[in-house]
Amino acid sequence: MTQALVVSTLGTARDEQKIDALQGEYSDRFMLHYNFPPYSTGETGRVGTPKRREIGAWSSRQARLVAVLPAAADFAYSMRVVSEITRIQRFQLHGIGAAAVSP
């Protein structure tokens, strides 16, 4: 089970993200911020720069969401979605009546 706090914001064309890449400058009207702090899995660690887990999850979710977005001519807003993962419980043994034991 994963719990997340997700906030979506709409903006104008002036709010689009400007990206300076090797191919030249372009703007992106959809921004997805996927924050996966260590406390969400019961770990300790610093909250700051994105880790490998966040980058991999972010890129796969971004690709899926961009594929279903309306065209800019039909929906002239920029979109920002911030997803704060608050809790992940990988194995829910107690839900099926099994008691977890220490290794």
PDB file of N, CA and C in Angstrom:
ATOM      1  N   MET A   1       0.840  -1.161   0.000  1.00  0.00           N
ATOM      2  CA  MET A   1       0.000   0.000   0.000  1.00  0.00           C
ATOM      3  C   MET A   1       0.893   1.234   0.000  1.00  0.00           C
ATOM      4  N   THR A   2       0.565   2.184  -0.847  1.00  0.00           N
ATOM      5  CA  THR A   2       1.307   3.433  -0.926  1.00  0.00           C
ATOM      6  C   THR A   2       0.359   4.579  -0.615  1.00  0.00           C
ATOM      7  N   GLN A   3       0.817   5.481   0.235  1.00  0.00           N
ATOM      8  CA  GLN A   3       0.055   6.691   0.530  1.00  0.00           C
ATOM      9  C   GLN A   3       0.838   7.880  -0.005  1.00  0.00           C
ATOM     10  N   ALA A   4       0.120   8.799  -0.632  1.00  0.00           N
ATOM     11  CA  ALA A   4       0.769   9.984  -1.191  1.00  0.00           C
ATOM     12  C   ALA A   4      -0.132  11.188  -1.020  1.00  0.00           C
ATOM     13  N   LEU A   5       0.495  12.323  -0.876  1.00  0.00           N
ATOM     14  CA  LEU A   5      -0.195  13.603  -0.874  1.00  0.00           C
ATOM     15  C   LEU A   5       0.128  14.244  -2.220  1.00  0.00           C
ATOM     16  N   VAL A   6      -0.884  14.421  -3.061  1.00  0.00           N
ATOM     17  CA  VAL A   6      -0.676  14.925  -4.416  1.00  0.00           C
ATOM     18  C   VAL A   6      -1.363  16.270  -4.569  1.00  0.00           C
ATOM     19  N   VAL A   7      -0.611  17.246  -5.050  1.00  0.00           N
ATOM     20  CA  VAL A   7      -1.134  18.597  -5.261  1.00  0.00           C
ATOM     21  C   VAL A   7      -0.946  18.949  -6.732  1.00  0.00           C
ATOM     22  N   SER A   8      -2.025  19.383  -7.378  1.00  0.00           N
ATOM     23  CA  SER A   8      -1.979  19.777  -8.790  1.00  0.00           C
ATOM     24  C   SER A   8      -2.243  21.267  -8.908  1.00  0.00           C
ATOM     25  N   THR A   9      -1.508  21.916  -9.804  1.00  0.00           N
ATOM     26  CA  THR A   9      -1.644  23.355 -10.009  1.00  0.00           C
ATOM     27  C   THR A   9      -1.694  23.645 -11.499  1.00  0.00           C
ATOM     28  N   LEU A  10      -2.585  24.544 -11.891  1.00  0.00           N
ATOM     29  CA  LEU A  10      -2.653  24.997 -13.277  1.00  0.00           C
ATOM     30  C   LEU A  10      -2.042  26.381 -13.383  1.00  0.00           C
ATOM     31  N   GLY A  11      -1.417  26.651 -14.515  1.00  0.00           N
ATOM     32  CA  GLY A  11      -0.819  27.952 -14.744  1.00  0.00           C
ATOM     33  C   GLY A  11      -0.991  28.363 -16.195  1.00  0.00           C
ATOM     34  N   THR A  12      -0.448  29.504 -16.541  1.00  0.00           N
ATOM     35  CA  THR A  12      -0.520  30.008 -17.913  1.00  0.00           C
ATOM     36  C   THR A  12       0.712  29.555 -18.694  1.00  0.00           C
ATOM     37  N   ALA A  13       0.779  29.953 -19.939  1.00  0.00           N
ATOM     38  CA  ALA A  13       1.942  29.619 -20.768  1.00  0.00           C
ATOM     39  C   ALA A  13       3.222  30.258 -20.211  1.00  0.00           C
ATOM     40  N   ARG A  14       3.093  31.343 -19.494  1.00  0.00           N
ATOM     41  CA  ARG A  14       4.270  31.988 -18.897  1.00  0.00           C
ATOM     42  C   ARG A  14       4.846  31.164 -17.751  1.00  0.00           C
ATOM     43  N   ASP A  15       4.074  30.220 -17.227  1.00  0.00           N
ATOM     44  CA  ASP A  15       4.523  29.386 -16.112  1.00  0.00           C
ATOM     45  C   ASP A  15       5.191  28.088 -16.569  1.00  0.00           C
ATOM     46  N   GLU A  16       5.311  27.869 -17.867  1.00  0.00           N
ATOM     47  CA  GLU A  16       5.937  26.650 -18.361  1.00  0.00           C
ATOM     48  C   GLU A  16       7.402  26.596 -17.951  1.00  0.00           C
ATOM     49  N   GLN A  17       7.898  25.388 -17.784  1.00  0.00           N
ATOM     50  CA  GLN A  17       9.291  25.190 -17.388  1.00  0.00           C
ATOM     51  C   GLN A  17      10.197  25.396 -18.603  1.00  0.00           C
ATOM     52  N   LYS A  18      11.160  26.274 -18.473  1.00  0.00           N
ATOM     53  CA  LYS A  18      12.123  26.527 -19.547  1.00  0.00           C
ATOM     54  C   LYS A  18      13.303  25.574 -19.364  1.00  0.00           C
ATOM     55  N   ILE A  19      13.614  24.837 -20.415  1.00  0.00           N
ATOM     56  CA  ILE A  19      14.682  23.844 -20.353  1.00  0.00           C
ATOM     57  C   ILE A  19      15.740  24.206 -21.388  1.00  0.00           C
ATOM     58  N   ASP A  20      16.986  24.333 -20.923  1.00  0.00           N
ATOM     59  CA  ASP A  20      18.107  24.632 -21.800  1.00  0.00           C
ATOM     60  C   ASP A  20      18.877  23.332 -22.006  1.00  0.00           C
ATOM     61  N   ALA A  21      18.664  22.687 -23.131  1.00  0.00           N
ATOM     62  CA  ALA A  21      19.270  21.389 -23.413  1.00  0.00           C
ATOM     63  C   ALA A  21      20.305  21.519 -24.523  1.00  0.00           C
ATOM     64  N   LEU A  22      20.986  20.432 -24.816  1.00  0.00           N
ATOM     65  CA  LEU A  22      21.976  20.439 -25.885  1.00  0.00           C
ATOM     66  C   LEU A  22      21.338  20.713 -27.244  1.00  0.00           C
ATOM     67  N   GLN A  23      20.097  20.297 -27.426  1.00  0.00           N
ATOM     68  CA  GLN A  23      19.392  20.512 -28.691  1.00  0.00           C
ATOM     69  C   GLN A  23      18.854  21.926 -28.812  1.00  0.00           C
ATOM     70  N   GLY A  24      18.969  22.707 -27.781  1.00  0.00           N
ATOM     71  CA  GLY A  24      18.438  24.062 -27.773  1.00  0.00           C
ATOM     72  C   GLY A  24      17.443  24.245 -26.649  1.00  0.00           C
ATOM     73  N   GLU A  25      16.974  25.461 -26.490  1.00  0.00           N
ATOM     74  CA  GLU A  25      16.031  25.766 -25.414  1.00  0.00           C
ATOM     75  C   GLU A  25      14.611  25.427 -25.847  1.00  0.00           C
ATOM     76  N   TYR A  26      13.855  24.841 -24.936  1.00  0.00           N
ATOM     77  CA  TYR A  26      12.446  24.555 -25.183  1.00  0.00           C
ATOM     78  C   TYR A  26      11.698  24.664 -23.866  1.00  0.00           C
ATOM     79  N   SER A  27      10.378  24.646 -23.944  1.00  0.00           N
ATOM     80  CA  SER A  27       9.579  24.740 -22.724  1.00  0.00           C
ATOM     81  C   SER A  27       8.711  23.495 -22.598  1.00  0.00           C
ATOM     82  N   ASP A  28       8.405  23.148 -21.358  1.00  0.00           N
ATOM     83  CA  ASP A  28       7.599  21.971 -21.053  1.00  0.00           C
ATOM     84  C   ASP A  28       6.408  22.440 -20.244  1.00  0.00           C
ATOM     85  N   ARG A  29       5.215  22.117 -20.699  1.00  0.00           N
ATOM     86  CA  ARG A  29       4.018  22.592 -20.009  1.00  0.00           C
ATOM     87  C   ARG A  29       3.539  21.648 -18.930  1.00  0.00           C
ATOM     88  N   PHE A  30       4.141  20.460 -18.816  1.00  0.00           N
ATOM     89  CA  PHE A  30       3.777  19.511 -17.770  1.00  0.00           C
ATOM     90  C   PHE A  30       4.993  19.227 -16.901  1.00  0.00           C
ATOM     91  N   MET A  31       4.846  19.461 -15.604  1.00  0.00           N
ATOM     92  CA  MET A  31       5.943  19.216 -14.657  1.00  0.00           C
ATOM     93  C   MET A  31       5.454  18.247 -13.591  1.00  0.00           C
ATOM     94  N   LEU A  32       6.205  17.189 -13.386  1.00  0.00           N
ATOM     95  CA  LEU A  32       5.886  16.206 -12.359  1.00  0.00           C
ATOM     96  C   LEU A  32       7.029  16.178 -11.357  1.00  0.00           C
ATOM     97  N   HIS A  33       6.719  16.434 -10.111  1.00  0.00           N
ATOM     98  CA  HIS A  33       7.706  16.361  -9.037  1.00  0.00           C
ATOM     99  C   HIS A  33       7.309  15.194  -8.158  1.00  0.00           C
ATOM    100  N   TYR A  34       8.191  14.219  -8.062  1.00  0.00           N
ATOM    101  CA  TYR A  34       7.919  12.977  -7.342  1.00  0.00           C
ATOM    102  C   TYR A  34       8.905  12.888  -6.188  1.00  0.00           C
ATOM    103  N   ASN A  35       8.462  13.155  -4.981  1.00  0.00           N
ATOM    104  CA  ASN A  35       9.333  13.165  -3.808  1.00  0.00           C
ATOM    105  C   ASN A  35       9.125  11.892  -2.994  1.00  0.00           C
ATOM    106  N   PHE A  36      10.213  11.210  -2.732  1.00  0.00           N
ATOM    107  CA  PHE A  36      10.189   9.901  -2.086  1.00  0.00           C
ATOM    108  C   PHE A  36      11.167   9.933  -0.907  1.00  0.00           C
ATOM    109  N   PRO A  37      10.786  10.578   0.213  1.00  0.00           N
ATOM    110  CA  PRO A  37      11.707  10.709   1.340  1.00  0.00           C
ATOM    111  C   PRO A  37      11.986   9.361   2.004  1.00  0.00           C
ATOM    112  N   PRO A  38      13.140   9.218   2.662  1.00  0.00           N
ATOM    113  CA  PRO A  38      13.486   7.934   3.269  1.00  0.00           C
ATOM    114  C   PRO A  38      12.517   7.477   4.351  1.00  0.00           C
ATOM    115  N   TYR A  39      11.884   8.408   5.051  1.00  0.00           N
ATOM    116  CA  TYR A  39      10.975   7.992   6.130  1.00  0.00           C
ATOM    117  C   TYR A  39       9.734   7.288   5.597  1.00  0.00           C
ATOM    118  N   SER A  40       9.441   7.406   4.305  1.00  0.00           N
ATOM    119  CA  SER A  40       8.253   6.750   3.750  1.00  0.00           C
ATOM    120  C   SER A  40       8.394   5.234   3.731  1.00  0.00           C
ATOM    121  N   THR A  41       9.627   4.744   3.771  1.00  0.00           N
ATOM    122  CA  THR A  41       9.852   3.292   3.817  1.00  0.00           C
ATOM    123  C   THR A  41      10.431   2.847   5.151  1.00  0.00           C
ATOM    124  N   GLY A  42      10.439   3.742   6.130  1.00  0.00           N
ATOM    125  CA  GLY A  42      10.962   3.384   7.440  1.00  0.00           C
ATOM    126  C   GLY A  42      12.475   3.476   7.541  1.00  0.00           C
ATOM    127  N   GLU A  43      13.127   4.101   6.567  1.00  0.00           N
ATOM    128  CA  GLU A  43      14.582   4.240   6.565  1.00  0.00           C
ATOM    129  C   GLU A  43      14.970   5.598   7.144  1.00  0.00           C
ATOM    130  N   THR A  44      16.235   5.734   7.449  1.00  0.00           N
ATOM    131  CA  THR A  44      16.757   7.031   7.857  1.00  0.00           C
ATOM    132  C   THR A  44      17.660   7.542   6.749  1.00  0.00           C
ATOM    133  N   GLY A  45      17.796   8.823   6.675  1.00  0.00           N
ATOM    134  CA  GLY A  45      18.665   9.393   5.649  1.00  0.00           C
ATOM    135  C   GLY A  45      18.319  10.846   5.430  1.00  0.00           C
ATOM    136  N   ARG A  46      19.096  11.451   4.555  1.00  0.00           N
ATOM    137  CA  ARG A  46      18.897  12.867   4.258  1.00  0.00           C
ATOM    138  C   ARG A  46      17.790  13.062   3.241  1.00  0.00           C
ATOM    139  N   VAL A  47      17.055  14.129   3.428  1.00  0.00           N
ATOM    140  CA  VAL A  47      16.059  14.545   2.448  1.00  0.00           C
ATOM    141  C   VAL A  47      16.694  15.684   1.671  1.00  0.00           C
ATOM    142  N   GLY A  48      16.795  15.533   0.384  1.00  0.00           N
ATOM    143  CA  GLY A  48      17.451  16.570  -0.411  1.00  0.00           C
ATOM    144  C   GLY A  48      17.434  16.201  -1.878  1.00  0.00           C
ATOM    145  N   THR A  49      18.595  15.907  -2.402  1.00  0.00           N
ATOM    146  CA  THR A  49      18.684  15.587  -3.821  1.00  0.00           C
ATOM    147  C   THR A  49      17.981  14.272  -4.125  1.00  0.00           C
ATOM    148  N   PRO A  50      17.412  14.142  -5.332  1.00  0.00           N
ATOM    149  CA  PRO A  50      16.704  12.905  -5.674  1.00  0.00           C
ATOM    150  C   PRO A  50      17.646  11.706  -5.738  1.00  0.00           C
ATOM    151  N   LYS A  51      17.154  10.592  -5.275  1.00  0.00           N
ATOM    152  CA  LYS A  51      17.927   9.352  -5.301  1.00  0.00           C
ATOM    153  C   LYS A  51      17.529   8.544  -6.533  1.00  0.00           C
ATOM    154  N   ARG A  52      18.208   7.446  -6.737  1.00  0.00           N
ATOM    155  CA  ARG A  52      17.969   6.582  -7.890  1.00  0.00           C
ATOM    156  C   ARG A  52      16.516   6.116  -7.956  1.00  0.00           C
ATOM    157  N   ARG A  53      15.931   5.779  -6.814  1.00  0.00           N
ATOM    158  CA  ARG A  53      14.546   5.318  -6.751  1.00  0.00           C
ATOM    159  C   ARG A  53      13.581   6.393  -7.246  1.00  0.00           C
ATOM    160  N   GLU A  54      13.815   7.635  -6.826  1.00  0.00           N
ATOM    161  CA  GLU A  54      12.927   8.729  -7.232  1.00  0.00           C
ATOM    162  C   GLU A  54      13.035   9.010  -8.719  1.00  0.00           C
ATOM    163  N   ILE A  55      14.244   9.006  -9.247  1.00  0.00           N
ATOM    164  CA  ILE A  55      14.443   9.318 -10.659  1.00  0.00           C
ATOM    165  C   ILE A  55      13.819   8.248 -11.540  1.00  0.00           C
ATOM    166  N   GLY A  56      13.986   6.990 -11.193  1.00  0.00           N
ATOM    167  CA  GLY A  56      13.398   5.910 -11.985  1.00  0.00           C
ATOM    168  C   GLY A  56      11.891   5.929 -11.948  1.00  0.00           C
ATOM    169  N   ALA A  57      11.325   6.143 -10.778  1.00  0.00           N
ATOM    170  CA  ALA A  57       9.865   6.197 -10.649  1.00  0.00           C
ATOM    171  C   ALA A  57       9.320   7.428 -11.345  1.00  0.00           C
ATOM    172  N   TRP A  58      10.030   8.541 -11.242  1.00  0.00           N
ATOM    173  CA  TRP A  58       9.589   9.778 -11.866  1.00  0.00           C
ATOM    174  C   TRP A  58       9.535   9.631 -13.377  1.00  0.00           C
ATOM    175  N   SER A  59      10.578   9.094 -13.985  1.00  0.00           N
ATOM    176  CA  SER A  59      10.630   9.037 -15.449  1.00  0.00           C
ATOM    177  C   SER A  59       9.560   8.116 -16.018  1.00  0.00           C
ATOM    178  N   SER A  60       9.285   7.005 -15.359  1.00  0.00           N
ATOM    179  CA  SER A  60       8.255   6.105 -15.878  1.00  0.00           C
ATOM    180  C   SER A  60       6.861   6.713 -15.726  1.00  0.00           C
ATOM    181  N   ARG A  61       6.600   7.380 -14.616  1.00  0.00           N
ATOM    182  CA  ARG A  61       5.291   8.007 -14.423  1.00  0.00           C
ATOM    183  C   ARG A  61       5.099   9.217 -15.343  1.00  0.00           C
ATOM    184  N   GLN A  62       6.147   9.988 -15.535  1.00  0.00           N
ATOM    185  CA  GLN A  62       6.065  11.148 -16.414  1.00  0.00           C
ATOM    186  C   GLN A  62       5.729  10.704 -17.838  1.00  0.00           C
ATOM    187  N   ALA A  63       6.375   9.668 -18.321  1.00  0.00           N
ATOM    188  CA  ALA A  63       6.118   9.193 -19.684  1.00  0.00           C
ATOM    189  C   ALA A  63       4.677   8.728 -19.843  1.00  0.00           C
ATOM    190  N   ARG A  64       4.135   8.050 -18.834  1.00  0.00           N
ATOM    191  CA  ARG A  64       2.750   7.575 -18.913  1.00  0.00           C
ATOM    192  C   ARG A  64       1.751   8.727 -18.881  1.00  0.00           C
ATOM    193  N   LEU A  65       2.021   9.731 -18.068  1.00  0.00           N
ATOM    194  CA  LEU A  65       1.091  10.857 -17.954  1.00  0.00           C
ATOM    195  C   LEU A  65       1.117  11.763 -19.182  1.00  0.00           C
ATOM    196  N   VAL A  66       2.290  12.015 -19.725  1.00  0.00           N
ATOM    197  CA  VAL A  66       2.404  12.891 -20.894  1.00  0.00           C
ATOM    198  C   VAL A  66       1.654  12.283 -22.079  1.00  0.00           C
ATOM    199  N   ALA A  67       1.623  10.966 -22.167  1.00  0.00           N
ATOM    200  CA  ALA A  67       0.949  10.300 -23.284  1.00  0.00           C
ATOM    201  C   ALA A  67      -0.558  10.555 -23.310  1.00  0.00           C
ATOM    202  N   VAL A  68      -1.163  10.858 -22.173  1.00  0.00           N
ATOM    203  CA  VAL A  68      -2.618  11.048 -22.118  1.00  0.00           C
ATOM    204  C   VAL A  68      -3.040  12.507 -21.917  1.00  0.00           C
ATOM    205  N   LEU A  69      -2.093  13.423 -21.943  1.00  0.00           N
ATOM    206  CA  LEU A  69      -2.434  14.835 -21.783  1.00  0.00           C
ATOM    207  C   LEU A  69      -3.116  15.381 -23.033  1.00  0.00           C
ATOM    208  N   PRO A  70      -4.048  16.312 -22.870  1.00  0.00           N
ATOM    209  CA  PRO A  70      -4.665  16.927 -24.045  1.00  0.00           C
ATOM    210  C   PRO A  70      -3.659  17.816 -24.778  1.00  0.00           C
ATOM    211  N   ALA A  71      -3.909  18.031 -26.034  1.00  0.00           N
ATOM    212  CA  ALA A  71      -3.034  18.889 -26.842  1.00  0.00           C
ATOM    213  C   ALA A  71      -3.082  20.318 -26.316  1.00  0.00           C
ATOM    214  N   ALA A  72      -2.012  21.067 -26.560  1.00  0.00           N
ATOM    215  CA  ALA A  72      -1.932  22.444 -26.080  1.00  0.00           C
ATOM    216  C   ALA A  72      -3.027  23.316 -26.691  1.00  0.00           C
ATOM    217  N   ALA A  73      -3.454  23.000 -27.906  1.00  0.00           N
ATOM    218  CA  ALA A  73      -4.523  23.778 -28.545  1.00  0.00           C
ATOM    219  C   ALA A  73      -5.866  23.553 -27.852  1.00  0.00           C
ATOM    220  N   ASP A  74      -6.054  22.373 -27.284  1.00  0.00           N
ATOM    221  CA  ASP A  74      -7.315  22.049 -26.609  1.00  0.00           C
ATOM    222  C   ASP A  74      -7.321  22.455 -25.136  1.00  0.00           C
ATOM    223  N   PHE A  75      -6.142  22.504 -24.528  1.00  0.00           N
ATOM    224  CA  PHE A  75      -6.025  22.801 -23.091  1.00  0.00           C
ATOM    225  C   PHE A  75      -4.796  23.682 -22.917  1.00  0.00           C
ATOM    226  N   ALA A  76      -4.999  24.977 -22.869  1.00  0.00           N
ATOM    227  CA  ALA A  76      -3.903  25.944 -22.949  1.00  0.00           C
ATOM    228  C   ALA A  76      -3.243  26.264 -21.611  1.00  0.00           C
ATOM    229  N   TYR A  77      -3.287  25.348 -20.665  1.00  0.00           N
ATOM    230  CA  TYR A  77      -2.695  25.599 -19.349  1.00  0.00           C
ATOM    231  C   TYR A  77      -1.419  24.792 -19.169  1.00  0.00           C
ATOM    232  N   SER A  78      -0.513  25.324 -18.360  1.00  0.00           N
ATOM    233  CA  SER A  78       0.627  24.525 -17.911  1.00  0.00           C
ATOM    234  C   SER A  78       0.174  23.797 -16.650  1.00  0.00           C
ATOM    235  N   MET A  79       0.753  22.632 -16.415  1.00  0.00           N
ATOM    236  CA  MET A  79       0.330  21.789 -15.288  1.00  0.00           C
ATOM    237  C   MET A  79       1.538  21.381 -14.462  1.00  0.00           C
ATOM    238  N   ARG A  80       1.378  21.464 -13.157  1.00  0.00           N
ATOM    239  CA  ARG A  80       2.410  21.004 -12.235  1.00  0.00           C
ATOM    240  C   ARG A  80       1.753  20.064 -11.243  1.00  0.00           C
ATOM    241  N   VAL A  81       2.325  18.878 -11.098  1.00  0.00           N
ATOM    242  CA  VAL A  81       1.823  17.880 -10.165  1.00  0.00           C
ATOM    243  C   VAL A  81       2.963  17.532  -9.215  1.00  0.00           C
ATOM    244  N   VAL A  82       2.734  17.703  -7.921  1.00  0.00           N
ATOM    245  CA  VAL A  82       3.722  17.362  -6.903  1.00  0.00           C
ATOM    246  C   VAL A  82       3.176  16.183  -6.118  1.00  0.00           C
ATOM    247  N   SER A  83       3.922  15.094  -6.102  1.00  0.00           N
ATOM    248  CA  SER A  83       3.517  13.880  -5.408  1.00  0.00           C
ATOM    249  C   SER A  83       4.487  13.619  -4.259  1.00  0.00           C
ATOM    250  N   GLU A  84       3.995  13.759  -3.039  1.00  0.00           N
ATOM    251  CA  GLU A  84       4.794  13.513  -1.839  1.00  0.00           C
ATOM    252  C   GLU A  84       4.417  12.133  -1.308  1.00  0.00           C
ATOM    253  N   ILE A  85       5.297  11.179  -1.448  1.00  0.00           N
ATOM    254  CA  ILE A  85       5.039   9.835  -0.942  1.00  0.00           C
ATOM    255  C   ILE A  85       5.227   9.877   0.569  1.00  0.00           C
ATOM    256  N   THR A  86       4.197   9.493   1.300  1.00  0.00           N
ATOM    257  CA  THR A  86       4.261   9.567   2.754  1.00  0.00           C
ATOM    258  C   THR A  86       4.489   8.218   3.411  1.00  0.00           C
ATOM    259  N   ARG A  87       4.068   7.141   2.753  1.00  0.00           N
ATOM    260  CA  ARG A  87       4.225   5.828   3.376  1.00  0.00           C
ATOM    261  C   ARG A  87       4.154   4.740   2.316  1.00  0.00           C
ATOM    262  N   ILE A  88       5.060   3.790   2.425  1.00  0.00           N
ATOM    263  CA  ILE A  88       5.023   2.595   1.587  1.00  0.00           C
ATOM    264  C   ILE A  88       5.193   1.397   2.487  1.00  0.00           C
ATOM    265  N   GLN A  89       4.285   0.485   2.363  1.00  0.00           N
ATOM    266  CA  GLN A  89       4.387  -0.752   3.126  1.00  0.00           C
ATOM    267  C   GLN A  89       4.423  -1.876   2.106  1.00  0.00           C
ATOM    268  N   ARG A  90       5.569  -2.498   1.975  1.00  0.00           N
ATOM    269  CA  ARG A  90       5.764  -3.466   0.898  1.00  0.00           C
ATOM    270  C   ARG A  90       5.019  -4.770   1.140  1.00  0.00           C
ATOM    271  N   PHE A  91       5.075  -5.286   2.333  1.00  0.00           N
ATOM    272  CA  PHE A  91       4.450  -6.576   2.614  1.00  0.00           C
ATOM    273  C   PHE A  91       3.420  -6.389   3.723  1.00  0.00           C
ATOM    274  N   GLN A  92       2.193  -6.611   3.418  1.00  0.00           N
ATOM    275  CA  GLN A  92       1.146  -6.466   4.424  1.00  0.00           C
ATOM    276  C   GLN A  92       0.705  -7.846   4.880  1.00  0.00           C
ATOM    277  N   LEU A  93       1.516  -8.461   5.679  1.00  0.00           N
ATOM    278  CA  LEU A  93       1.202  -9.796   6.163  1.00  0.00           C
ATOM    279  C   LEU A  93       0.050  -9.791   7.156  1.00  0.00           C
ATOM    280  N   HIS A  94      -0.051  -8.711   7.939  1.00  0.00           N
ATOM    281  CA  HIS A  94      -1.104  -8.675   8.952  1.00  0.00           C
ATOM    282  C   HIS A  94      -2.483  -8.605   8.320  1.00  0.00           C
ATOM    283  N   GLY A  95      -2.594  -8.140   7.087  1.00  0.00           N
ATOM    284  CA  GLY A  95      -3.879  -8.039   6.415  1.00  0.00           C
ATOM    285  C   GLY A  95      -4.481  -9.391   6.070  1.00  0.00           C
ATOM    286  N   ILE A  96      -3.623 -10.409   5.988  1.00  0.00           N
ATOM    287  CA  ILE A  96      -4.119 -11.742   5.661  1.00  0.00           C
ATOM    288  C   ILE A  96      -4.079 -12.666   6.876  1.00  0.00           C
ATOM    289  N   GLY A  97      -3.791 -12.091   8.038  1.00  0.00           N
ATOM    290  CA  GLY A  97      -3.783 -12.877   9.269  1.00  0.00           C
ATOM    291  C   GLY A  97      -2.454 -13.532   9.587  1.00  0.00           C
ATOM    292  N   ALA A  98      -1.411 -13.270   8.806  1.00  0.00           N
ATOM    293  CA  ALA A  98      -0.100 -13.860   9.083  1.00  0.00           C
ATOM    294  C   ALA A  98       0.716 -12.899   9.937  1.00  0.00           C
ATOM    295  N   ALA A  99       1.324 -13.422  10.958  1.00  0.00           N
ATOM    296  CA  ALA A  99       2.149 -12.597  11.858  1.00  0.00           C
ATOM    297  C   ALA A  99       3.572 -12.557  11.311  1.00  0.00           C
ATOM    298  N   ALA A 100       4.150 -11.330  11.246  1.00  0.00           N
ATOM    299  CA  ALA A 100       5.528 -11.194  10.802  1.00  0.00           C
ATOM    300  C   ALA A 100       6.465 -11.591  11.934  1.00  0.00           C
ATOM    301  N   VAL A 101       7.562 -12.239  11.582  1.00  0.00           N
ATOM    302  CA  VAL A 101       8.547 -12.665  12.569  1.00  0.00           C
ATOM    303  C   VAL A 101       9.869 -11.982  12.263  1.00  0.00           C
ATOM    304  N   SER A 102      10.698 -11.846  13.281  1.00  0.00           N
ATOM    305  CA  SER A 102      12.015 -11.233  13.095  1.00  0.00           C
ATOM    306  C   SER A 102      12.929 -12.216  12.378  1.00  0.00           C
ATOM    307  N   PRO A 103      13.806 -11.715  11.494  1.00  0.00           N
ATOM    308  CA  PRO A 103      14.724 -12.627  10.796  1.00  0.00           C
ATOM    309  C   PRO A 103      15.774 -13.198  11.712  1.00  0.00           C
TER     310      PRO A 103
END
